[in-house]
């Protein structure tokens, strides 16, 4: 049985955070969030890791991050650049923002040939989350369009220090995704959450970009990215986001997406003020014995 691959989106510098947050330590022995993700992935049975980065951070990233894992499992790199678009498309001179998560997955097409999970580099997902998706990916056929997503509870993913963007999901009776709405600028309130005039309970299942795919996704991405560029390519800040791609494929009947549930808690560093919370959360996990005090001995 082929082992799934882990695709880690690490091209963002984190403009709101102010630095290369992917390599900031959060563990007791200087571990980063990526360290915990790779540790959990190896324990769950993933066989390879692919990092999506940018060329301008390649040297630092390879030295500080990639070199740590190369003796433990195969490591490959893919590069997300604004200029990586179809030959028929001219990138606007004013464009500085990356094209989004859908594009970040697409640039890894040449190095992924098996079912794979996609995660953010700066989010801590927990061991059970990796096990749950790895179990699913080991059973799915590589030529199917039966995708999956691990859903988290909205209230457990909000920041005390600013607004967040989340893909809010509607699920049918069989646990499959019916519809997903990308909601920007969600803020935490006493009764749950709010986005502008829309009030949310906080119990809604949301996407934290922990997806399970097969290589069939790449063909869909090529088609949908072309459509996106035709409609929004001249905008300075439009993004080709994977939740909207999957939602569209589900609505068109071209794919299914099983929403998996996890016992793990999510936490991430959206703002610099979030980092102490993450450090304390990791400390508690170590104290409970879920992780060793030193991951890589």
Protein backbone atom coordinates (compact mmCIF):
# COMPACT_ATOMS: atom_id res chain seq x y z
CA UNK A 1 0.00 0.00 0.00
CA UNK A 2 1.45 3.34 -1.08
CA UNK A 3 2.19 5.84 1.64
CA UNK A 4 0.57 9.27 1.24
CA UNK A 5 2.62 12.44 0.79
CA UNK A 6 2.44 15.56 2.95
CA UNK A 7 2.37 18.88 1.08
CA UNK A 8 3.31 21.84 3.29
CA UNK A 9 2.46 25.35 2.08
CA UNK A 10 5.30 27.51 3.39
CA UNK A 11 5.71 30.25 0.79
CA UNK A 12 4.13 33.04 2.87
CA UNK A 13 6.27 35.39 4.92
CA UNK A 14 3.31 36.39 7.11
CA UNK A 15 2.81 40.10 6.51
CA UNK A 16 0.53 40.56 9.54
CA UNK A 17 2.93 38.60 11.74
CA UNK A 18 6.07 40.39 10.60
CA UNK A 19 8.68 37.78 9.76
CA UNK A 20 9.30 34.24 8.56
CA UNK A 21 6.97 32.74 11.15
CA UNK A 22 7.44 29.22 9.79
CA UNK A 23 10.83 28.98 11.53
CA UNK A 24 10.00 30.67 14.86
CA UNK A 25 10.47 28.23 17.77
CA UNK A 26 7.42 27.24 19.84
CA UNK A 27 8.60 23.98 21.48
CA UNK A 28 10.67 23.48 24.65
CA UNK A 29 13.77 22.49 22.66
CA UNK A 30 13.39 25.12 19.94
CA UNK A 31 10.95 23.14 17.77
CA UNK A 32 8.85 24.98 15.19
CA UNK A 33 5.24 24.25 14.28
CA UNK A 34 6.57 22.54 11.15
CA UNK A 35 8.64 20.22 13.34
CA UNK A 36 5.49 19.02 15.09
CA UNK A 37 3.63 18.61 11.79
CA UNK A 38 6.39 16.46 10.29
CA UNK A 39 6.76 14.47 13.52
CA UNK A 40 3.01 13.74 13.52
CA UNK A 41 3.05 12.93 9.80
CA UNK A 42 5.86 10.39 10.20
CA UNK A 43 4.02 8.75 13.11
CA UNK A 44 0.84 8.61 11.01
CA UNK A 45 2.62 6.86 8.13
CA UNK A 46 3.24 9.59 5.55
CA UNK A 47 6.09 8.64 3.25
CA UNK A 48 7.32 11.94 1.79
CA UNK A 49 7.12 15.66 2.45
CA UNK A 50 6.97 18.39 -0.19
CA UNK A 51 7.52 22.01 0.82
CA UNK A 52 6.08 24.82 -1.30
CA UNK A 53 8.34 27.85 -0.80
CA UNK A 54 9.64 30.85 -2.73
CA UNK A 55 13.06 31.06 -4.33
CA UNK A 56 14.06 34.06 -2.20
CA UNK A 57 13.66 32.08 1.07
CA UNK A 58 15.02 28.80 -0.31
CA UNK A 59 18.52 28.96 1.20
CA UNK A 60 17.33 29.79 4.72
CA UNK A 61 14.44 27.36 4.56
CA UNK A 62 16.54 24.43 3.35
CA UNK A 63 19.19 25.06 6.02
CA UNK A 64 16.87 25.67 8.97
CA UNK A 65 13.90 23.45 8.08
CA UNK A 66 14.47 20.96 5.28
CA UNK A 67 17.85 19.68 6.45
CA UNK A 68 16.24 18.48 9.68
CA UNK A 69 14.05 15.97 7.91
CA UNK A 70 16.08 14.75 4.94
CA UNK A 71 17.51 11.79 6.89
CA UNK A 72 14.06 10.78 8.14
CA UNK A 73 12.02 10.73 4.92
CA UNK A 74 12.28 11.97 1.32
CA UNK A 75 12.01 15.77 1.06
CA UNK A 76 11.23 17.70 -2.12
CA UNK A 77 10.56 21.33 -2.94
CA UNK A 78 8.23 23.22 -5.23
CA UNK A 79 8.30 26.96 -5.80
CA UNK A 80 5.38 29.36 -5.85
CA UNK A 81 6.06 32.52 -7.80
CA UNK A 82 3.65 35.13 -9.11
CA UNK A 83 5.07 34.64 -12.60
CA UNK A 84 4.18 30.92 -12.67
CA UNK A 85 1.07 31.29 -14.84
CA UNK A 86 -0.06 29.99 -18.26
CA UNK A 87 1.97 31.37 -21.17
CA UNK A 88 -1.09 33.14 -22.56
CA UNK A 89 -1.50 35.23 -19.41
CA UNK A 90 0.42 38.43 -18.63
CA UNK A 91 0.86 39.15 -14.92
CA UNK A 92 -0.13 42.75 -14.07
CA UNK A 93 2.88 44.89 -13.21
CA UNK A 94 1.18 45.99 -9.99
CA UNK A 95 0.65 42.43 -8.74
CA UNK A 96 2.71 41.54 -5.64
CA UNK A 97 0.36 39.17 -3.79
CA UNK A 98 0.73 35.40 -4.38
CA UNK A 99 -2.09 33.70 -6.29
CA UNK A 100 -3.35 31.71 -3.27
CA UNK A 101 -3.54 28.17 -1.93
CA UNK A 102 -4.97 26.62 -5.10
CA UNK A 103 -1.98 27.91 -7.06
CA UNK A 104 0.42 26.75 -4.32
CA UNK A 105 -0.84 23.18 -4.71
CA UNK A 106 -0.68 23.37 -8.49
CA UNK A 107 3.04 24.22 -8.52
CA UNK A 108 3.75 20.88 -6.78
CA UNK A 109 2.21 18.82 -9.58
CA UNK A 110 5.51 17.45 -10.89
CA UNK A 111 6.63 16.01 -7.55
CA UNK A 112 3.37 14.42 -6.31
CA UNK A 113 2.04 11.22 -7.89
CA UNK A 114 0.14 9.65 -4.97
CA UNK A 115 -2.70 10.65 -2.62
CA UNK A 116 -1.58 13.57 -0.48
CA UNK A 117 -2.49 15.82 2.41
CA UNK A 118 -2.12 19.58 2.21
CA UNK A 119 -1.46 21.73 5.27
CA UNK A 120 -0.40 25.24 6.19
CA UNK A 121 3.12 25.56 7.57
CA UNK A 122 2.07 27.85 10.42
CA UNK A 123 -0.86 25.83 11.81
CA UNK A 124 -0.64 23.18 14.54
CA UNK A 125 -3.14 20.42 13.74
CA UNK A 126 -2.42 17.67 16.29
CA UNK A 127 -1.53 13.99 16.07
CA UNK A 128 -5.07 12.63 15.72
CA UNK A 129 -5.68 14.90 12.73
CA UNK A 130 -2.75 13.40 10.84
CA UNK A 131 -3.75 9.85 11.73
CA UNK A 132 -7.34 10.45 10.64
CA UNK A 133 -6.43 11.80 7.22
CA UNK A 134 -3.61 9.29 6.67
CA UNK A 135 -6.08 6.45 7.26
CA UNK A 136 -8.42 7.95 4.67
CA UNK A 137 -5.68 8.52 2.08
CA UNK A 138 -4.39 4.95 2.37
CA UNK A 139 -7.83 3.68 1.32
CA UNK A 140 -8.59 6.07 -1.53
CA UNK A 141 -7.72 5.24 -5.14
CA UNK A 142 -5.15 7.54 -6.72
CA UNK A 143 -7.34 8.03 -9.81
CA UNK A 144 -10.50 9.00 -7.90
CA UNK A 145 -11.90 12.43 -7.15
CA UNK A 146 -13.04 11.40 -3.67
CA UNK A 147 -11.33 14.08 -1.59
CA UNK A 148 -11.46 14.79 2.13
CA UNK A 149 -11.04 17.61 4.61
CA UNK A 150 -10.55 17.55 8.36
CA UNK A 151 -13.07 19.98 9.81
CA UNK A 152 -12.49 22.00 12.98
CA UNK A 153 -15.03 23.85 15.14
CA UNK A 154 -15.04 27.58 14.31
CA UNK A 155 -14.93 28.85 17.89
CA UNK A 156 -11.74 26.86 18.53
CA UNK A 157 -9.95 28.51 15.60
CA UNK A 158 -10.48 32.22 16.34
CA UNK A 159 -7.81 34.70 17.40
CA UNK A 160 -8.04 37.08 20.34
CA UNK A 161 -5.88 39.55 18.45
CA UNK A 162 -7.65 40.22 15.16
CA UNK A 163 -9.91 38.87 12.45
CA UNK A 164 -9.42 35.61 10.55
CA UNK A 165 -10.57 34.08 7.25
CA UNK A 166 -12.28 30.69 7.36
CA UNK A 167 -14.01 28.35 4.93
CA UNK A 168 -17.35 27.68 6.66
CA UNK A 169 -18.82 24.29 5.64
CA UNK A 170 -22.30 22.84 5.22
CA UNK A 171 -22.31 19.03 5.53
CA UNK A 172 -24.92 16.46 4.45
CA UNK A 173 -26.18 13.48 6.46
CA UNK A 174 -23.39 11.23 5.15
CA UNK A 175 -20.66 13.61 6.27
CA UNK A 176 -19.90 14.92 2.80
CA UNK A 177 -19.41 18.58 1.97
CA UNK A 178 -22.46 20.28 0.46
CA UNK A 179 -21.26 23.85 0.31
CA UNK A 180 -18.37 25.98 1.55
CA UNK A 181 -18.35 29.75 2.02
CA UNK A 182 -15.03 31.58 2.33
CA UNK A 183 -15.71 34.18 5.00
CA UNK A 184 -13.16 36.95 5.52
CA UNK A 185 -12.62 39.10 8.60
CA UNK A 186 -14.39 36.87 11.12
CA UNK A 187 -14.04 38.23 14.65
CA UNK A 188 -14.56 36.54 18.00
CA UNK A 189 -17.49 37.75 20.13
CA UNK A 190 -18.97 36.57 23.44
CA UNK A 191 -21.72 34.51 21.80
CA UNK A 192 -19.59 32.99 19.04
CA UNK A 193 -18.33 34.91 16.03
CA UNK A 194 -19.30 37.65 13.62
CA UNK A 195 -18.46 38.70 10.09
CA UNK A 196 -19.83 42.16 9.47
CA UNK A 197 -23.60 41.89 9.91
CA UNK A 198 -23.53 38.07 9.89
CA UNK A 199 -23.64 36.37 13.31
CA UNK A 200 -22.22 32.85 13.67
CA UNK A 201 -22.78 30.39 16.52
CA UNK A 202 -19.13 29.37 16.63
CA UNK A 203 -20.07 25.69 16.25
CA UNK A 204 -19.82 25.67 12.45
CA UNK A 205 -17.30 23.23 10.93
CA UNK A 206 -14.56 25.16 9.14
CA UNK A 207 -11.64 24.45 6.86
CA UNK A 208 -8.23 25.06 8.39
CA UNK A 209 -6.54 23.93 5.17
CA UNK A 210 -6.04 20.30 6.19
CA UNK A 211 -7.12 18.63 2.97
CA UNK A 212 -6.76 15.18 1.47
CA UNK A 213 -6.46 14.90 -2.31
CA UNK A 214 -5.44 12.57 -5.11
CA UNK A 215 -3.40 13.54 -8.20
CA UNK A 216 -6.68 14.01 -10.12
CA UNK A 217 -6.90 17.41 -8.41
CA UNK A 218 -4.12 18.83 -10.60
CA UNK A 219 -6.19 18.53 -13.77
CA UNK A 220 -9.07 20.32 -12.07
CA UNK A 221 -6.69 23.03 -10.82
CA UNK A 222 -5.35 23.73 -14.31
CA UNK A 223 -8.87 24.25 -15.62
CA UNK A 224 -10.08 26.32 -12.66
CA UNK A 225 -6.94 28.48 -12.53
CA UNK A 226 -7.45 29.43 -16.18
CA UNK A 227 -11.02 30.45 -15.37
CA UNK A 228 -9.85 32.39 -12.32
CA UNK A 229 -7.25 34.33 -14.28
CA UNK A 230 -9.77 35.22 -16.97
CA UNK A 231 -12.19 36.56 -14.36
CA UNK A 232 -9.87 38.01 -11.71
CA UNK A 233 -6.32 37.98 -13.06
CA UNK A 234 -6.10 41.74 -13.44
CA UNK A 235 -7.03 42.37 -9.81
CA UNK A 236 -4.17 43.18 -7.44
CA UNK A 237 -5.28 41.08 -4.47
CA UNK A 238 -7.61 38.34 -5.77
CA UNK A 239 -6.68 34.82 -4.63
CA UNK A 240 -7.27 31.37 -6.11
CA UNK A 241 -8.28 29.63 -2.88
CA UNK A 242 -8.54 25.86 -2.51
CA UNK A 243 -11.78 25.87 -0.45
CA UNK A 244 -13.55 27.67 -3.28
CA UNK A 245 -12.09 25.29 -5.86
CA UNK A 246 -13.26 22.22 -3.94
CA UNK A 247 -16.64 23.81 -3.27
CA UNK A 248 -17.06 24.46 -6.98
CA UNK A 249 -16.07 20.90 -7.95
CA UNK A 250 -18.56 19.50 -5.42
CA UNK A 251 -21.35 21.75 -6.69
CA UNK A 252 -20.61 20.68 -10.29
CA UNK A 253 -20.59 17.00 -9.36
CA UNK A 254 -16.94 16.59 -10.42
CA UNK A 255 -15.70 15.57 -6.96
CA UNK A 256 -16.85 14.61 -3.48
CA UNK A 257 -15.30 15.76 -0.21
CA UNK A 258 -15.70 13.79 3.00
CA UNK A 259 -15.57 15.95 6.14
CA UNK A 260 -13.55 14.07 8.75
CA UNK A 261 -13.62 14.93 12.43
CA UNK A 262 -10.68 14.98 14.82
CA UNK A 263 -10.16 14.94 18.57
CA UNK A 264 -7.14 17.25 18.20
CA UNK A 265 -7.26 20.97 18.90
CA UNK A 266 -6.07 23.42 16.27
CA UNK A 267 -3.96 26.46 17.04
CA UNK A 268 -1.98 28.76 14.82
CA UNK A 269 0.02 31.94 14.60
CA UNK A 270 -1.90 34.51 12.60
CA UNK A 271 -0.64 37.46 14.63
CA UNK A 272 2.55 37.83 16.64
CA UNK A 273 0.44 38.08 19.79
CA UNK A 274 -0.81 34.51 19.14
CA UNK A 275 2.65 33.02 19.62
CA UNK A 276 2.69 32.89 23.47
CA UNK A 277 -0.63 31.01 23.35
CA UNK A 278 0.84 28.46 20.95
CA UNK A 279 3.96 28.05 23.12
CA UNK A 280 1.82 27.40 26.20
CA UNK A 281 -0.43 24.97 24.31
CA UNK A 282 2.60 22.98 23.12
CA UNK A 283 4.04 22.99 26.65
CA UNK A 284 0.81 21.43 27.95
CA UNK A 285 0.86 18.75 25.25
CA UNK A 286 4.44 17.87 26.17
CA UNK A 287 3.52 17.81 29.84
CA UNK A 288 0.69 15.35 29.09
CA UNK A 289 3.13 13.08 27.28
CA UNK A 290 1.71 13.56 23.78
CA UNK A 291 5.13 14.74 22.56
CA UNK A 292 8.65 14.28 23.92
CA UNK A 293 10.38 17.35 25.32
CA UNK A 294 12.88 17.03 22.47
CA UNK A 295 11.39 15.84 19.16
CA UNK A 296 14.55 15.09 17.23
CA UNK A 297 17.17 13.29 19.26
